[in-house]
Amino acid sequence: ASHMPQKGVSKKKRIAMPAKGMSRQTDRDCLVCGQTTRIAHLGIDTCRSCAVFYRRLKNGHDYICRSSSGRCARGKGLNCQRRRFDHIVRLLKQGPTHEFASSSTSTALHTSDSLFTKPTDFAILERLKTHYSAMSLHRLCSELNSRSNPPHPLEISLEKGPFFPADFAALTGATRILMSAALEFGSNAFPEFAGLPESDKWTIAMNFFYRFRMFEGFYRSTKIFTNDENKYFVSYALYFTIPFDEGFLKTAPEGADIPGVLRYMAKSEMCCWIKNARAEIIRVDPTEEEFIAVVVLMFWPHGDPSVSEDINRIGEKYRGEILKELHAYYRDEMGRDDYASRIGELMMLIQMFERTKDLKEQFEVMRLFNIMTDDNFIY
């Protein structure tokens, strides 16, 4: 009986299935070293060796080109680490390769034991790290070069700045730079963003500004100002000091009620909230990958009635994809299975920085003191 055909199914109509262990993936050449690969690591057509090389060396190693020309040949036989690393960075900036983007779903479904294979690549996280670094350098250089005595380009770095105490005029300029950079970041990092109407782009960028600026500022403060808990970044190059530094108002607009502002700041609960928020960042201590994941979740609205259903759908898509990559990151990179509570902590951080209403109220108070002008586009 075991050799009888199934009822209603002809032997001639049976479809030959691939043998167990066979894969329908196609061979492709690594875009960096030219070696053959079947999987698009990092979200682009790179082999596993190049992906491992990039992950190991992305944290600040400085390699010199073997030929000192910056033009070492790519492809098979590539042995210049500088050229290899720089080319991977350029490919990541371009985003996923077309073949990978169009076939990623079918490839995942057709690999052997696909339902039980643990993902090892973090396409969105890796891509967003690159775009965030580019945005950060753009902001830092723009802020520093707008100063009356800008530093030499060789003196500028993301880690060392230089950084300066904030004043009103400099912070106003830095805010405009951030908004411009956020729009560029959205277009470069997310294909869907580039095709949105201008009004939708601006709404997303504004909402991102209110969530992101303080979160990033506190996160970076814990890395840069490790021994001074009273300093926190308010832009990429500028920082505030607690208690409130009156020097901030030296470049306030003419006619500003500076005594009124000082009285208001003395009674404000903002300083207390700032200390609590920074303490929470220190407690959670997000990794670089977790920080980037939060940036993605802050950028795209999720269940927000003030934006269109299309935008919410895009936000839902990226929320699902970034959480999937976080699951893989905790399991495969961190070796953690009990990561549900960790994701919960990240979500609580996001909620802590959902302060759009409070910040708008603060801007309204500043406007009443003639500090914020009516043409300020973040108000």
Protein backbone atom coordinates (compact mmCIF):
# COMPACT_ATOMS: atom_id res chain seq x y z
CA ALA A 1 0.00 0.00 0.00
CA SER A 2 2.88 2.30 0.62
CA HIS A 3 3.71 2.18 -3.12
CA MET A 4 0.21 3.12 -4.28
CA PRO A 5 -0.20 6.57 -5.82
CA GLN A 6 -2.22 9.08 -3.88
CA LYS A 7 -5.89 9.17 -4.68
CA GLY A 8 -6.70 11.45 -7.57
CA VAL A 9 -3.06 12.04 -8.51
CA SER A 10 -1.60 10.51 -11.68
CA LYS A 11 1.98 9.32 -11.70
CA LYS A 12 2.55 11.23 -14.93
CA LYS A 13 1.54 14.52 -13.30
CA ARG A 14 3.85 14.29 -10.36
CA ILE A 15 6.35 17.12 -10.26
CA ALA A 16 9.97 16.28 -9.64
CA MET A 17 11.12 18.15 -6.51
CA PRO A 18 14.71 19.28 -5.93
CA ALA A 19 16.76 16.83 -3.93
CA LYS A 20 17.11 17.65 -0.27
CA GLY A 21 19.91 20.13 0.28
CA MET A 22 19.81 21.52 -3.25
CA SER A 23 19.46 25.29 -3.66
CA ARG A 24 17.92 27.31 -6.43
CA GLN A 25 20.21 30.23 -5.71
CA THR A 26 22.35 31.34 -8.61
CA ASP A 27 26.07 31.99 -8.56
CA ARG A 28 27.13 35.62 -8.72
CA ASP A 29 30.44 37.45 -8.60
CA CYS A 30 31.28 39.45 -5.50
CA LEU A 31 31.28 43.13 -6.52
CA VAL A 32 34.34 43.72 -4.32
CA CYS A 33 36.80 40.86 -4.75
CA GLY A 34 35.28 38.95 -7.70
CA GLN A 35 34.95 35.63 -5.88
CA THR A 36 31.86 33.52 -6.54
CA THR A 37 29.06 33.79 -3.97
CA ARG A 38 25.48 32.56 -3.77
CA ILE A 39 24.26 34.92 -1.07
CA ALA A 40 24.14 38.73 -1.14
CA HIS A 41 25.75 39.66 2.15
CA LEU A 42 25.21 43.13 3.65
CA GLY A 43 22.27 43.53 1.26
CA ILE A 44 24.58 43.81 -1.76
CA ASP A 45 26.37 41.29 -3.96
CA THR A 46 29.36 40.69 -1.71
CA CYS A 47 30.80 37.40 -0.53
CA ARG A 48 30.93 36.28 3.07
CA SER A 49 34.67 37.01 3.32
CA CYS A 50 34.17 40.65 2.32
CA ALA A 51 31.20 40.98 4.68
CA VAL A 52 33.26 39.61 7.60
CA PHE A 53 36.17 41.88 6.61
CA TYR A 54 33.88 44.95 6.62
CA ARG A 55 32.30 44.14 9.98
CA ARG A 56 35.65 43.66 11.64
CA LEU A 57 37.25 46.80 10.26
CA LYS A 58 34.44 49.35 10.18
CA ASN A 59 35.18 50.75 13.65
CA GLY A 60 37.94 53.21 12.93
CA HIS A 61 40.88 51.29 11.47
CA ASP A 62 42.95 53.49 9.18
CA TYR A 63 44.51 51.59 6.29
CA ILE A 64 46.90 53.01 3.71
CA CYS A 65 46.48 52.19 0.03
CA ARG A 66 49.13 49.69 -1.07
CA SER A 67 49.95 51.70 -4.17
CA SER A 68 49.45 55.11 -2.47
CA SER A 69 47.31 56.04 -5.46
CA GLY A 70 43.83 55.09 -4.24
CA ARG A 71 43.35 53.31 -7.56
CA CYS A 72 44.24 49.69 -6.82
CA ALA A 73 42.34 47.38 -9.16
CA ARG A 74 39.20 45.71 -7.88
CA GLY A 75 38.20 42.15 -8.64
CA LYS A 76 39.95 38.82 -8.25
CA GLY A 77 43.33 39.13 -6.61
CA LEU A 78 42.41 42.33 -4.73
CA ASN A 79 44.87 42.64 -1.84
CA CYS A 80 44.60 46.32 -0.91
CA GLN A 81 42.62 46.60 2.34
CA ARG A 82 42.02 50.33 1.90
CA ARG A 83 40.56 49.80 -1.58
CA ARG A 84 38.49 46.85 -0.40
CA PHE A 85 36.99 48.70 2.55
CA ASP A 86 36.30 51.94 0.62
CA HIS A 87 34.57 50.05 -2.19
CA ILE A 88 32.28 48.23 0.26
CA VAL A 89 31.34 51.59 1.82
CA ARG A 90 30.50 53.02 -1.62
CA LEU A 91 28.35 50.00 -2.47
CA LEU A 92 26.47 50.28 0.82
CA LYS A 93 25.71 53.94 0.10
CA GLN A 94 24.14 52.88 -3.19
CA GLY A 95 21.79 50.51 -1.34
CA PRO A 96 20.78 46.92 -2.16
CA THR A 97 21.67 45.60 -5.61
CA HIS A 98 18.72 45.23 -7.97
CA GLU A 99 19.09 41.46 -8.16
CA PHE A 100 19.17 41.14 -4.40
CA ALA A 101 16.19 43.44 -3.89
CA SER A 102 14.05 41.65 -6.45
CA SER A 103 14.97 38.11 -5.49
CA SER A 104 15.52 38.22 -1.75
CA THR A 105 12.09 36.83 -0.93
CA SER A 106 12.19 33.98 -3.43
CA THR A 107 15.78 33.13 -2.52
CA ALA A 108 14.91 32.85 1.16
CA LEU A 109 12.01 30.55 0.39
CA HIS A 110 13.94 28.21 -1.90
CA THR A 111 17.07 27.56 0.13
CA SER A 112 17.21 24.20 1.87
CA ASP A 113 15.76 24.20 5.38
CA SER A 114 14.96 27.89 4.85
CA LEU A 115 12.40 28.12 7.63
CA PHE A 116 15.01 27.14 10.17
CA THR A 117 18.02 29.00 8.80
CA LYS A 118 19.16 31.87 11.01
CA PRO A 119 19.70 35.15 9.14
CA THR A 120 23.33 36.28 9.29
CA ASP A 121 23.11 39.59 7.39
CA PHE A 122 21.63 42.87 8.51
CA ALA A 123 21.00 44.72 5.27
CA ILE A 124 19.01 47.65 6.69
CA LEU A 125 21.18 48.11 9.78
CA GLU A 126 24.40 48.08 7.75
CA ARG A 127 23.00 50.39 5.08
CA LEU A 128 21.63 52.82 7.65
CA LYS A 129 24.92 52.92 9.55
CA THR A 130 26.59 54.16 6.39
CA HIS A 131 23.92 56.77 5.66
CA TYR A 132 23.83 57.94 9.28
CA SER A 133 27.62 58.39 9.28
CA ALA A 134 27.39 60.39 6.06
CA MET A 135 24.63 62.57 7.52
CA SER A 136 26.64 63.09 10.71
CA LEU A 137 29.77 64.18 8.87
CA HIS A 138 27.71 66.53 6.68
CA ARG A 139 26.16 68.14 9.76
CA LEU A 140 29.44 68.41 11.65
CA CYS A 141 31.35 69.97 8.75
CA SER A 142 28.50 72.35 7.90
CA GLU A 143 28.17 73.54 11.50
CA LEU A 144 31.91 74.00 12.00
CA ASN A 145 32.47 75.71 8.66
CA SER A 146 29.71 78.20 9.42
CA ARG A 147 31.61 79.48 12.47
CA SER A 148 33.54 82.75 12.27
CA ASN A 149 36.82 80.89 12.86
CA PRO A 150 36.31 77.38 11.44
CA PRO A 151 38.84 74.66 12.23
CA HIS A 152 41.16 73.23 9.61
CA PRO A 153 39.54 70.29 7.76
CA LEU A 154 42.26 67.96 9.08
CA GLU A 155 41.19 68.83 12.62
CA ILE A 156 37.57 67.70 12.11
CA SER A 157 36.40 64.22 13.11
CA LEU A 158 33.13 62.66 14.25
CA GLU A 159 34.74 61.49 17.48
CA LYS A 160 36.66 64.63 18.46
CA GLY A 161 34.74 67.46 16.79
CA PRO A 162 35.85 70.00 17.82
CA PHE A 163 32.70 70.74 19.84
CA PHE A 164 31.58 74.11 21.20
CA PRO A 165 29.12 75.55 23.75
CA ALA A 166 25.83 76.40 22.05
CA ASP A 167 24.63 79.93 21.47
CA PHE A 168 21.29 80.94 20.00
CA ALA A 169 22.48 81.95 16.53
CA ALA A 170 24.69 78.88 16.10
CA LEU A 171 21.93 76.53 17.28
CA THR A 172 19.42 78.11 14.90
CA GLY A 173 21.80 77.47 12.02
CA ALA A 174 22.51 73.93 13.22
CA THR A 175 18.78 73.20 13.31
CA ARG A 176 18.41 74.24 9.69
CA ILE A 177 21.37 72.05 8.79
CA LEU A 178 19.78 69.09 10.58
CA MET A 179 16.49 69.53 8.75
CA SER A 180 18.25 69.66 5.38
CA ALA A 181 20.36 66.64 6.31
CA ALA A 182 17.29 64.70 7.49
CA LEU A 183 15.59 65.21 4.12
CA GLU A 184 18.72 64.05 2.31
CA PHE A 185 19.08 61.10 4.71
CA GLY A 186 15.51 60.04 4.01
CA SER A 187 15.97 60.17 0.23
CA ASN A 188 19.29 58.29 0.32
CA ALA A 189 18.39 55.66 2.90
CA PHE A 190 14.79 54.84 1.97
CA PRO A 191 13.71 54.46 -1.68
CA GLU A 192 10.07 55.10 -0.74
CA PHE A 193 10.85 58.50 0.80
CA ALA A 194 12.28 59.93 -2.42
CA GLY A 195 8.96 59.38 -4.22
CA LEU A 196 6.72 61.04 -1.62
CA PRO A 197 5.07 64.46 -2.13
CA GLU A 198 7.08 67.36 -0.72
CA SER A 199 4.50 68.01 1.99
CA ASP A 200 4.77 64.42 3.25
CA LYS A 201 8.57 64.59 3.23
CA TRP A 202 8.46 67.74 5.34
CA THR A 203 5.99 66.24 7.83
CA ILE A 204 8.16 63.16 8.29
CA ALA A 205 11.33 65.26 8.67
CA MET A 206 9.66 67.53 11.24
CA ASN A 207 8.36 64.63 13.32
CA PHE A 208 11.80 63.01 13.10
CA PHE A 209 13.44 66.22 14.31
CA TYR A 210 11.37 66.35 17.48
CA ARG A 211 12.09 62.71 18.35
CA PHE A 212 15.61 62.32 17.10
CA ARG A 213 17.54 65.44 18.09
CA MET A 214 17.42 64.91 21.85
CA PHE A 215 17.77 61.13 21.65
CA GLU A 216 20.88 61.41 19.50
CA GLY A 217 22.22 64.23 21.66
CA PHE A 218 21.97 62.23 24.88
CA TYR A 219 23.30 59.05 23.25
CA ARG A 220 26.37 60.87 21.89
CA SER A 221 26.86 62.70 25.19
CA THR A 222 27.31 59.38 26.99
CA LYS A 223 30.04 58.46 24.47
CA ILE A 224 31.85 61.81 24.21
CA PHE A 225 31.32 63.48 27.60
CA THR A 226 31.83 60.35 29.65
CA ASN A 227 33.10 62.23 32.70
CA ASP A 228 30.73 65.21 32.63
CA GLU A 229 27.06 64.37 33.11
CA ASN A 230 26.09 68.04 32.93
CA LYS A 231 26.93 68.37 29.24
CA TYR A 232 24.64 67.18 26.45
CA PHE A 233 24.60 67.74 22.71
CA VAL A 234 21.90 69.92 21.16
CA SER A 235 23.34 69.58 17.64
CA TYR A 236 26.23 67.62 16.21
CA ALA A 237 28.85 70.23 17.14
CA LEU A 238 27.11 72.17 19.94
CA TYR A 239 26.36 71.31 23.56
CA PHE A 240 24.46 72.75 26.50
CA THR A 241 25.63 72.74 30.09
CA ILE A 242 23.41 72.28 33.14
CA PRO A 243 22.63 74.59 34.89
CA PHE A 244 21.56 76.77 31.97
CA ASP A 245 24.45 78.84 30.62
CA GLU A 246 23.42 82.48 30.16
CA GLY A 247 26.05 82.77 27.44
CA PHE A 248 23.59 80.95 25.16
CA LEU A 249 21.56 84.15 24.88
CA LYS A 250 24.42 86.43 23.85
CA THR A 251 23.37 86.04 20.20
CA ALA A 252 19.62 86.22 20.85
CA PRO A 253 17.57 88.48 18.53
CA GLU A 254 17.38 92.16 19.31
CA GLY A 255 14.44 92.90 21.61
CA ALA A 256 14.48 89.47 23.27
CA ASP A 257 13.29 89.41 26.89
CA ILE A 258 16.43 87.78 28.26
CA PRO A 259 15.57 88.29 31.98
CA GLY A 260 12.20 86.66 31.33
CA VAL A 261 13.85 83.68 29.65
CA LEU A 262 16.27 83.25 32.55
CA ARG A 263 13.43 83.28 35.09
CA TYR A 264 11.51 80.74 33.03
CA MET A 265 14.52 78.43 32.67
CA ALA A 266 15.19 78.61 36.43
CA LYS A 267 11.68 77.24 37.11
CA SER A 268 11.52 74.80 34.21
CA GLU A 269 11.46 71.06 34.85
CA MET A 270 13.43 70.46 31.67
CA CYS A 271 16.78 70.19 33.47
CA CYS A 272 15.40 67.44 35.72
CA TRP A 273 14.00 65.57 32.72
CA ILE A 274 17.31 65.91 30.88
CA LYS A 275 19.22 64.30 33.75
CA ASN A 276 16.69 61.48 34.03
CA ALA A 277 16.73 60.85 30.27
CA ARG A 278 20.51 60.76 30.14
CA ALA A 279 20.58 58.38 33.12
CA GLU A 280 18.18 56.08 31.27
CA ILE A 281 20.37 56.12 28.16
CA ILE A 282 23.35 55.16 30.33
CA ARG A 283 21.36 52.36 31.98
CA VAL A 284 20.13 50.87 28.71
CA ASP A 285 23.48 51.55 26.99
CA PRO A 286 22.33 50.92 23.39
CA THR A 287 24.83 49.33 21.02
CA GLU A 288 25.53 50.95 17.66
CA GLU A 289 23.10 48.53 16.01
CA GLU A 290 20.39 49.29 18.56
CA PHE A 291 20.92 53.02 18.13
CA ILE A 292 20.48 52.73 14.36
CA ALA A 293 17.37 50.58 14.85
CA VAL A 294 15.84 53.29 17.06
CA VAL A 295 16.71 55.94 14.45
CA VAL A 296 14.77 53.96 11.82
CA LEU A 297 11.78 53.55 14.16
CA MET A 298 11.85 57.27 14.95
CA PHE A 299 12.07 58.29 11.31
CA TRP A 300 8.99 56.47 10.05
CA PRO A 301 5.60 57.13 11.68
CA HIS A 302 3.77 54.11 12.99
CA GLY A 303 0.03 54.30 13.63
CA ASP A 304 0.12 58.10 13.43
CA PRO A 305 -3.29 59.57 12.50
CA SER A 306 -1.67 62.85 11.41
CA VAL A 307 -0.05 61.25 8.33
CA SER A 308 -1.48 59.33 5.40
CA GLU A 309 -2.23 55.61 5.39
CA ASP A 310 0.47 55.12 2.76
CA ILE A 311 3.12 56.60 5.06
CA ASN A 312 1.90 54.49 7.96
CA ARG A 313 2.12 51.40 5.76
CA ILE A 314 5.71 52.24 4.86
CA GLY A 315 6.42 52.79 8.54
CA GLU A 316 4.86 49.43 9.39
CA LYS A 317 7.02 47.76 6.75
CA TYR A 318 10.29 49.19 8.11
CA ARG A 319 9.23 48.54 11.68
CA GLY A 320 8.75 44.86 10.86
CA GLU A 321 12.00 44.60 8.93
CA ILE A 322 14.12 46.36 11.52
CA LEU A 323 12.67 44.28 14.36
CA LYS A 324 13.40 41.15 12.34
CA GLU A 325 17.01 42.23 11.96
CA LEU A 326 17.20 43.03 15.68
CA HIS A 327 15.99 39.50 16.47
CA ALA A 328 18.76 38.10 14.26
CA TYR A 329 21.32 40.49 15.77
CA TYR A 330 20.53 39.43 19.34
CA ARG A 331 20.45 35.75 18.49
CA ASP A 332 23.36 35.46 16.05
CA GLU A 333 25.70 38.28 17.04
CA MET A 334 25.00 38.63 20.75
CA GLY A 335 24.12 34.99 21.43
CA ARG A 336 21.00 35.99 23.36
CA ASP A 337 17.69 34.18 23.31
CA ASP A 338 16.00 36.29 26.02
CA TYR A 339 15.93 39.47 23.94
CA ALA A 340 12.22 40.31 24.29
CA SER A 341 12.90 42.43 27.38
CA ARG A 342 15.75 44.17 25.57
CA ILE A 343 13.50 45.20 22.70
CA GLY A 344 11.02 46.40 25.31
CA GLU A 345 13.69 48.69 26.76
CA LEU A 346 14.34 50.20 23.35
CA MET A 347 10.63 50.83 22.85
CA MET A 348 10.50 52.58 26.22
CA LEU A 349 13.38 54.81 25.13
CA ILE A 350 11.41 55.80 22.05
CA GLN A 351 8.42 56.66 24.21
CA MET A 352 10.61 58.75 26.50
CA PHE A 353 11.63 60.93 23.57
CA GLU A 354 8.12 61.36 22.17
CA ARG A 355 8.10 64.95 23.38
CA THR A 356 6.77 66.78 20.34
CA LYS A 357 4.00 68.48 22.31
CA ASP A 358 6.33 69.56 25.14
CA LEU A 359 8.92 70.96 22.76
CA LYS A 360 6.35 72.89 20.77
CA GLU A 361 5.03 74.40 24.01
CA GLN A 362 8.58 75.38 24.94
CA PHE A 363 9.06 77.01 21.52
CA GLU A 364 5.80 78.94 22.08
CA VAL A 365 7.13 80.26 25.38
CA MET A 366 10.37 81.30 23.66
CA ARG A 367 8.33 83.08 21.00
CA LEU A 368 6.48 85.04 23.69
CA PHE A 369 9.86 86.14 25.04
CA ASN A 370 10.81 87.24 21.49
CA ILE A 371 13.50 84.57 21.30
CA MET A 372 11.86 82.44 18.60
CA THR A 373 10.93 84.43 15.53
CA ASP A 374 7.71 83.81 13.61
CA ASP A 375 9.63 82.67 10.51
CA ASN A 376 11.44 79.88 12.37
CA PHE A 377 10.36 76.79 10.44
CA ILE A 378 10.70 74.30 13.30
CA TYR A 379 8.06 76.16 15.30
